[in-house]
Amino acid sequence: MRRFERMMRTTLLLSACAALLAVAGCGGPPTFTGSGAETIEMVTHVVADGESFASLADDYYGTTDAASFLAEANGVAPGFALDRGALVDVPVGEEDVARYARRTEAKSHYNRGTEHAEAGELRKATEEFREALRIDPRFVDAGYNLGVVLLMMGEPSAAVAMLDQVLAVRPNDPDIVFALGKALFDGGDTAGGLAHFEHALTLDPSHEEAMFSRAVALLDVGRLEDGIFALDAYLRRHPSGSWAEVARTRLIELAGEAAFERLRASEGRDVPGELTIGTEPATGAEPGTVVPWEAGRP
């Protein structure tokens, strides 16, 4: 898991929400409106590694939608890159101060959860992520990692239940969409997994895990030609990707070496000559194996 510090008496890490979200009303509207009408003070925040206006807005205001307001308050564009050690002025009201205090307390549990996950102590990791969410139910990052760890523990149904709630809070995050797809796939819902892999690719067409996993899922549901072309698309976009060798080997197993060479020499979907697709995978080939999963986002 990637870890980065956040200042003002705090440290933090990665991404999403969990079972506590629905109970505590995680999806409710933030109290901050971006108008500054309830501002009671200006806090100076010292930027740490990995922070952005979006992450700071989420910490202080409970929503990344306030990133533009926060950037404008500092006289820069919302996409402006923040360097470690830079000073950011943060207008805050009483609710914002209370929210940030909860986030600060929750981050210590989140960091410990990540350390446990990295050490392979998955049960302890879930306990820390759950405690982080108990303190701060809007801590989306903690829930995402909680869902991932449950998946690593072989509990896809529990992971689906939590990642569903995570996605309801942050519906346009391709990593969350992919994680939910993998949980569905691991739980036996291949069609559901495929739908989520494809949705992740509408949000991020280059998402490596989603591209490879979509190809595997297509093969798993018997759509051999679509699966072959999906593997080829993955190799074109990620020729040195994490699963490039697996994709090449699988293509040769399914289509034969000559057809593989014709496919690679073509422009993509429209392949010159006749592409002969095997109806059965080669002996010893793994049937549906989605990408290996690590603890959290890369």
Protein backbone atom coordinates (compact mmCIF):
# COMPACT_ATOMS: atom_id res chain seq x y z
CA MET A 1 0.00 0.00 0.00
CA ARG A 2 1.13 3.52 -0.70
CA ARG A 3 1.43 5.62 2.42
CA PHE A 4 1.75 9.37 2.66
CA GLU A 5 1.73 11.79 5.54
CA ARG A 6 -0.71 14.58 6.15
CA MET A 7 0.09 17.43 8.47
CA MET A 8 -1.77 19.20 11.30
CA ARG A 9 -1.09 16.44 13.83
CA THR A 10 -1.83 13.65 11.35
CA THR A 11 -0.74 10.94 8.97
CA LEU A 12 -2.78 9.06 6.36
CA LEU A 13 -2.63 6.55 3.51
CA LEU A 14 -4.87 5.21 0.72
CA SER A 15 -8.60 4.85 -0.42
CA ALA A 16 -12.62 4.03 0.16
CA CYS A 17 -15.65 3.20 2.59
CA ALA A 18 -17.25 0.17 4.37
CA ALA A 19 -20.21 -1.36 6.25
CA LEU A 20 -20.21 1.51 8.72
CA LEU A 21 -20.91 3.95 5.91
CA ALA A 22 -24.56 3.05 5.47
CA VAL A 23 -25.17 2.92 9.21
CA ALA A 24 -23.62 6.30 9.81
CA GLY A 25 -25.05 7.99 6.75
CA CYS A 26 -21.81 8.25 4.80
CA GLY A 27 -23.65 9.36 1.70
CA GLY A 28 -25.20 12.42 3.33
CA PRO A 29 -24.40 15.95 2.10
CA PRO A 30 -21.35 17.70 3.57
CA THR A 31 -21.95 20.65 5.88
CA PHE A 32 -19.54 22.85 3.95
CA THR A 33 -21.10 24.69 1.01
CA GLY A 34 -18.04 26.41 -0.37
CA SER A 35 -19.45 29.89 0.23
CA GLY A 36 -17.20 30.71 3.17
CA ALA A 37 -20.18 32.29 4.95
CA GLU A 38 -19.61 30.25 8.12
CA THR A 39 -15.84 30.66 8.21
CA ILE A 40 -14.53 31.23 11.72
CA GLU A 41 -10.80 31.01 11.06
CA MET A 42 -8.11 30.41 8.45
CA VAL A 43 -5.93 27.36 9.03
CA THR A 44 -2.51 27.08 7.41
CA HIS A 45 -1.93 23.52 6.26
CA VAL A 46 1.60 22.23 5.55
CA VAL A 47 1.43 19.98 2.48
CA ALA A 48 2.77 16.42 2.80
CA ASP A 49 3.61 13.85 0.13
CA GLY A 50 0.68 12.78 -2.02
CA GLU A 51 -1.66 15.59 -1.06
CA SER A 52 -3.74 17.62 -3.49
CA PHE A 53 -6.52 20.17 -3.24
CA ALA A 54 -8.97 17.29 -3.71
CA SER A 55 -7.54 15.28 -0.82
CA LEU A 56 -7.41 18.35 1.43
CA ALA A 57 -11.00 19.23 0.56
CA ASP A 58 -12.04 15.70 1.49
CA ASP A 59 -10.19 15.90 4.80
CA TYR A 60 -11.52 19.30 5.85
CA TYR A 61 -14.90 19.53 4.13
CA GLY A 62 -15.88 15.90 3.64
CA THR A 63 -16.05 16.12 -0.16
CA THR A 64 -13.62 16.42 -3.03
CA ASP A 65 -16.16 18.72 -4.71
CA ALA A 66 -14.78 21.58 -2.60
CA ALA A 67 -11.35 21.30 -4.26
CA SER A 68 -12.09 24.18 -6.63
CA PHE A 69 -13.13 26.45 -3.77
CA LEU A 70 -9.98 25.61 -1.83
CA ALA A 71 -7.73 26.19 -4.86
CA GLU A 72 -9.40 29.50 -5.63
CA ALA A 73 -8.94 30.56 -2.01
CA ASN A 74 -5.22 30.12 -2.61
CA GLY A 75 -5.21 31.88 -5.99
CA VAL A 76 -4.44 28.82 -8.15
CA ALA A 77 -6.27 26.39 -10.44
CA PRO A 78 -7.78 23.21 -8.90
CA GLY A 79 -5.30 20.99 -10.76
CA PHE A 80 -2.29 22.88 -9.43
CA ALA A 81 0.28 20.38 -8.09
CA LEU A 82 1.14 20.85 -4.43
CA ASP A 83 4.73 20.33 -3.37
CA ARG A 84 5.72 18.86 -0.03
CA GLY A 85 6.14 21.65 2.50
CA ALA A 86 3.97 24.16 0.65
CA LEU A 87 1.51 26.19 2.73
CA VAL A 88 -2.20 26.09 1.93
CA ASP A 89 -4.72 28.46 3.51
CA VAL A 90 -7.88 26.56 4.49
CA PRO A 91 -11.00 28.55 5.48
CA VAL A 92 -12.82 26.51 8.13
CA GLY A 93 -16.01 26.68 10.14
CA GLU A 94 -16.95 24.84 13.33
CA GLU A 95 -18.18 21.74 11.49
CA ASP A 96 -15.04 21.65 9.37
CA VAL A 97 -12.83 21.79 12.46
CA ALA A 98 -14.76 18.93 14.06
CA ARG A 99 -14.64 16.89 10.86
CA TYR A 100 -10.90 17.36 10.51
CA ALA A 101 -10.37 16.35 14.15
CA ARG A 102 -12.24 13.09 13.49
CA ARG A 103 -10.20 12.44 10.36
CA THR A 104 -6.97 13.11 12.24
CA GLU A 105 -7.87 10.58 14.93
CA ALA A 106 -9.00 8.02 12.34
CA LYS A 107 -5.76 8.28 10.38
CA SER A 108 -3.69 6.74 13.16
CA HIS A 109 -5.85 3.60 12.98
CA TYR A 110 -5.71 3.69 9.19
CA ASN A 111 -1.91 3.78 9.20
CA ARG A 112 -1.77 0.87 11.60
CA GLY A 113 -4.22 -1.05 9.42
CA THR A 114 -2.01 -0.53 6.40
CA GLU A 115 1.07 -1.65 8.33
CA HIS A 116 -0.74 -4.82 9.40
CA ALA A 117 -1.84 -5.49 5.82
CA GLU A 118 1.69 -5.03 4.51
CA ALA A 119 2.90 -7.49 7.17
CA GLY A 120 0.27 -10.04 6.18
CA GLU A 121 -1.69 -9.56 9.42
CA LEU A 122 -4.99 -9.22 7.62
CA ARG A 123 -7.38 -9.76 10.53
CA LYS A 124 -5.65 -7.04 12.54
CA ALA A 125 -5.77 -4.79 9.48
CA THR A 126 -9.55 -5.14 9.21
CA GLU A 127 -9.91 -4.24 12.90
CA GLU A 128 -7.95 -1.03 12.43
CA PHE A 129 -9.79 -0.02 9.26
CA ARG A 130 -13.12 -0.65 10.98
CA GLU A 131 -12.06 1.50 13.92
CA ALA A 132 -11.02 4.28 11.52
CA LEU A 133 -14.49 4.11 9.97
CA ARG A 134 -16.19 4.08 13.35
CA ILE A 135 -14.46 7.36 14.15
CA ASP A 136 -14.91 8.87 10.71
CA PRO A 137 -17.64 7.17 8.63
CA ARG A 138 -16.82 9.39 5.63
CA PHE A 139 -13.25 8.10 5.47
CA VAL A 140 -13.60 6.58 2.00
CA ASP A 141 -9.96 5.48 1.82
CA ALA A 142 -10.29 3.30 4.91
CA GLY A 143 -13.31 1.48 3.53
CA TYR A 144 -11.68 0.83 0.17
CA ASN A 145 -8.72 -0.83 1.86
CA LEU A 146 -11.05 -2.72 4.18
CA GLY A 147 -12.85 -4.14 1.15
CA VAL A 148 -9.56 -5.08 -0.49
CA VAL A 149 -8.28 -6.83 2.63
CA LEU A 150 -11.51 -8.81 2.93
CA LEU A 151 -10.99 -9.89 -0.66
CA MET A 152 -7.45 -10.95 0.19
CA MET A 153 -8.86 -12.98 3.07
CA GLY A 154 -11.11 -14.93 0.71
CA GLU A 155 -14.33 -13.19 1.73
CA PRO A 156 -15.66 -11.84 -1.59
CA SER A 157 -19.26 -11.54 -0.38
CA ALA A 158 -18.22 -9.28 2.49
CA ALA A 159 -16.00 -7.33 0.13
CA VAL A 160 -18.89 -6.85 -2.32
CA ALA A 161 -21.17 -5.58 0.45
CA MET A 162 -18.68 -2.92 1.48
CA LEU A 163 -17.39 -1.92 -1.93
CA ASP A 164 -20.99 -1.47 -3.06
CA GLN A 165 -21.33 1.21 -0.40
CA VAL A 166 -17.97 2.67 -1.32
CA LEU A 167 -19.05 3.01 -4.92
CA ALA A 168 -22.27 4.72 -3.88
CA VAL A 169 -20.15 7.42 -2.23
CA ARG A 170 -17.59 7.74 -5.03
CA PRO A 171 -19.24 6.32 -8.17
CA ASN A 172 -16.72 7.57 -10.72
CA ASP A 173 -13.57 6.10 -9.21
CA PRO A 174 -12.27 3.44 -11.65
CA ASP A 175 -10.22 1.71 -8.94
CA ILE A 176 -13.31 1.20 -6.79
CA VAL A 177 -15.34 0.02 -9.78
CA PHE A 178 -12.60 -2.46 -10.63
CA ALA A 179 -12.28 -3.67 -7.02
CA LEU A 180 -16.01 -4.34 -6.86
CA GLY A 181 -15.78 -6.19 -10.18
CA LYS A 182 -13.02 -8.39 -8.86
CA ALA A 183 -14.99 -9.14 -5.70
CA LEU A 184 -17.98 -10.14 -7.83
CA PHE A 185 -15.79 -12.27 -10.11
CA ASP A 186 -14.11 -13.99 -7.15
CA GLY A 187 -17.54 -14.68 -5.68
CA GLY A 188 -18.64 -16.51 -8.82
CA ASP A 189 -20.54 -13.71 -10.55
CA THR A 190 -18.49 -13.61 -13.74
CA ALA A 191 -21.04 -11.54 -15.67
CA GLY A 192 -21.22 -8.98 -12.87
CA GLY A 193 -17.45 -8.80 -12.70
CA LEU A 194 -17.22 -8.32 -16.47
CA ALA A 195 -19.78 -5.50 -16.38
CA HIS A 196 -17.75 -3.68 -13.73
CA PHE A 197 -14.45 -4.20 -15.57
CA GLU A 198 -16.04 -2.67 -18.66
CA HIS A 199 -17.46 0.21 -16.64
CA ALA A 200 -14.04 0.89 -15.11
CA LEU A 201 -12.67 1.16 -18.65
CA THR A 202 -15.27 3.79 -19.55
CA LEU A 203 -13.87 5.85 -16.67
CA ASP A 204 -10.22 5.07 -17.42
CA PRO A 205 -9.64 3.42 -20.82
CA SER A 206 -6.03 2.60 -19.89
CA HIS A 207 -6.81 0.93 -16.54
CA GLU A 208 -4.40 -2.00 -16.75
CA GLU A 209 -6.07 -4.33 -14.25
CA ALA A 210 -9.50 -3.74 -15.79
CA MET A 211 -8.22 -4.34 -19.34
CA PHE A 212 -6.61 -7.67 -18.48
CA SER A 213 -9.43 -8.80 -16.21
CA ARG A 214 -12.03 -7.99 -18.87
CA ALA A 215 -10.19 -10.26 -21.30
CA VAL A 216 -10.10 -13.08 -18.75
CA ALA A 217 -13.79 -12.65 -17.94
CA LEU A 218 -14.75 -12.67 -21.63
CA LEU A 219 -12.92 -15.96 -22.06
CA ASP A 220 -14.53 -17.30 -18.91
CA VAL A 221 -18.06 -16.69 -20.23
CA GLY A 222 -17.19 -18.33 -23.56
CA ARG A 223 -16.78 -15.21 -25.71
CA LEU A 224 -13.53 -16.51 -27.18
CA GLU A 225 -13.12 -14.12 -30.09
CA ASP A 226 -13.90 -11.08 -27.93
CA GLY A 227 -11.51 -12.40 -25.31
CA ILE A 228 -8.70 -12.84 -27.82
CA PHE A 229 -9.10 -9.32 -29.16
CA ALA A 230 -9.31 -7.99 -25.59
CA LEU A 231 -5.99 -9.65 -24.78
CA ASP A 232 -4.53 -8.12 -27.92
CA ALA A 233 -5.88 -4.68 -26.91
CA TYR A 234 -4.26 -5.10 -23.50
CA LEU A 235 -0.89 -5.91 -25.11
CA ARG A 236 -1.15 -2.91 -27.44
CA ARG A 237 -1.82 -0.55 -24.54
CA HIS A 238 0.49 -2.23 -22.01
CA PRO A 239 3.23 -4.05 -23.97
CA SER A 240 5.42 -4.25 -20.86
CA GLY A 241 2.55 -4.53 -18.41
CA SER A 242 2.37 -6.72 -15.35
CA TRP A 243 0.48 -9.45 -17.21
CA ALA A 244 1.94 -8.99 -20.70
CA GLU A 245 3.68 -12.37 -20.78
CA VAL A 246 0.57 -14.11 -19.46
CA ALA A 247 -1.50 -12.40 -22.18
CA ARG A 248 0.93 -13.43 -24.94
CA THR A 249 1.00 -17.03 -23.74
CA ARG A 250 -2.78 -17.16 -23.51
CA LEU A 251 -3.21 -15.72 -27.01
CA ILE A 252 -0.92 -18.35 -28.50
CA GLU A 253 -2.73 -21.11 -26.59
CA LEU A 254 -6.11 -19.97 -27.86
CA ALA A 255 -5.39 -18.86 -31.42
CA GLY A 256 -2.18 -20.63 -32.36
CA GLU A 257 1.20 -19.05 -33.01
CA ALA A 258 0.58 -18.19 -36.67
CA ALA A 259 -2.71 -16.43 -35.90
CA PHE A 260 -1.03 -14.69 -32.97
CA GLU A 261 1.67 -13.27 -35.27
CA ARG A 262 -0.98 -12.13 -37.79
CA LEU A 263 -2.93 -10.47 -35.00
CA ARG A 264 0.10 -8.65 -33.65
CA ALA A 265 1.01 -7.44 -37.16
CA SER A 266 -2.46 -6.00 -37.73
CA GLU A 267 -3.98 -2.68 -36.71
CA GLY A 268 -6.13 -4.32 -34.07
CA ARG A 269 -9.64 -5.68 -34.34
CA ASP A 270 -9.65 -6.08 -38.14
CA VAL A 271 -7.20 -8.92 -38.70
CA PRO A 272 -6.02 -9.78 -42.23
CA GLY A 273 -6.70 -13.37 -43.22
CA GLU A 274 -8.72 -15.88 -41.28
CA LEU A 275 -8.20 -16.01 -37.53
CA THR A 276 -8.71 -19.56 -36.28
CA ILE A 277 -9.86 -19.56 -32.68
CA GLY A 278 -9.61 -22.71 -30.63
CA THR A 279 -12.79 -23.85 -28.92
CA GLU A 280 -10.93 -25.19 -25.89
CA PRO A 281 -7.99 -23.77 -23.95
CA ALA A 282 -4.71 -25.62 -24.30
CA THR A 283 -3.96 -28.42 -21.85
CA GLY A 284 -2.83 -26.99 -18.55
CA ALA A 285 -4.11 -23.47 -19.26
CA GLU A 286 -5.76 -21.74 -16.36
CA PRO A 287 -9.49 -21.14 -17.04
CA GLY A 288 -10.48 -17.79 -15.45
CA THR A 289 -7.82 -16.12 -13.38
CA VAL A 290 -8.23 -12.43 -12.73
CA VAL A 291 -5.17 -10.33 -11.95
CA PRO A 292 -3.30 -10.95 -8.70
CA TRP A 293 -4.39 -8.57 -5.98
CA GLU A 294 -2.20 -6.53 -3.68
CA ALA A 295 -3.15 -4.71 -0.52
CA GLY A 296 -4.50 -1.42 -1.75
CA ARG A 297 -3.79 0.67 -4.79
CA PRO A 298 -0.38 0.56 -6.44
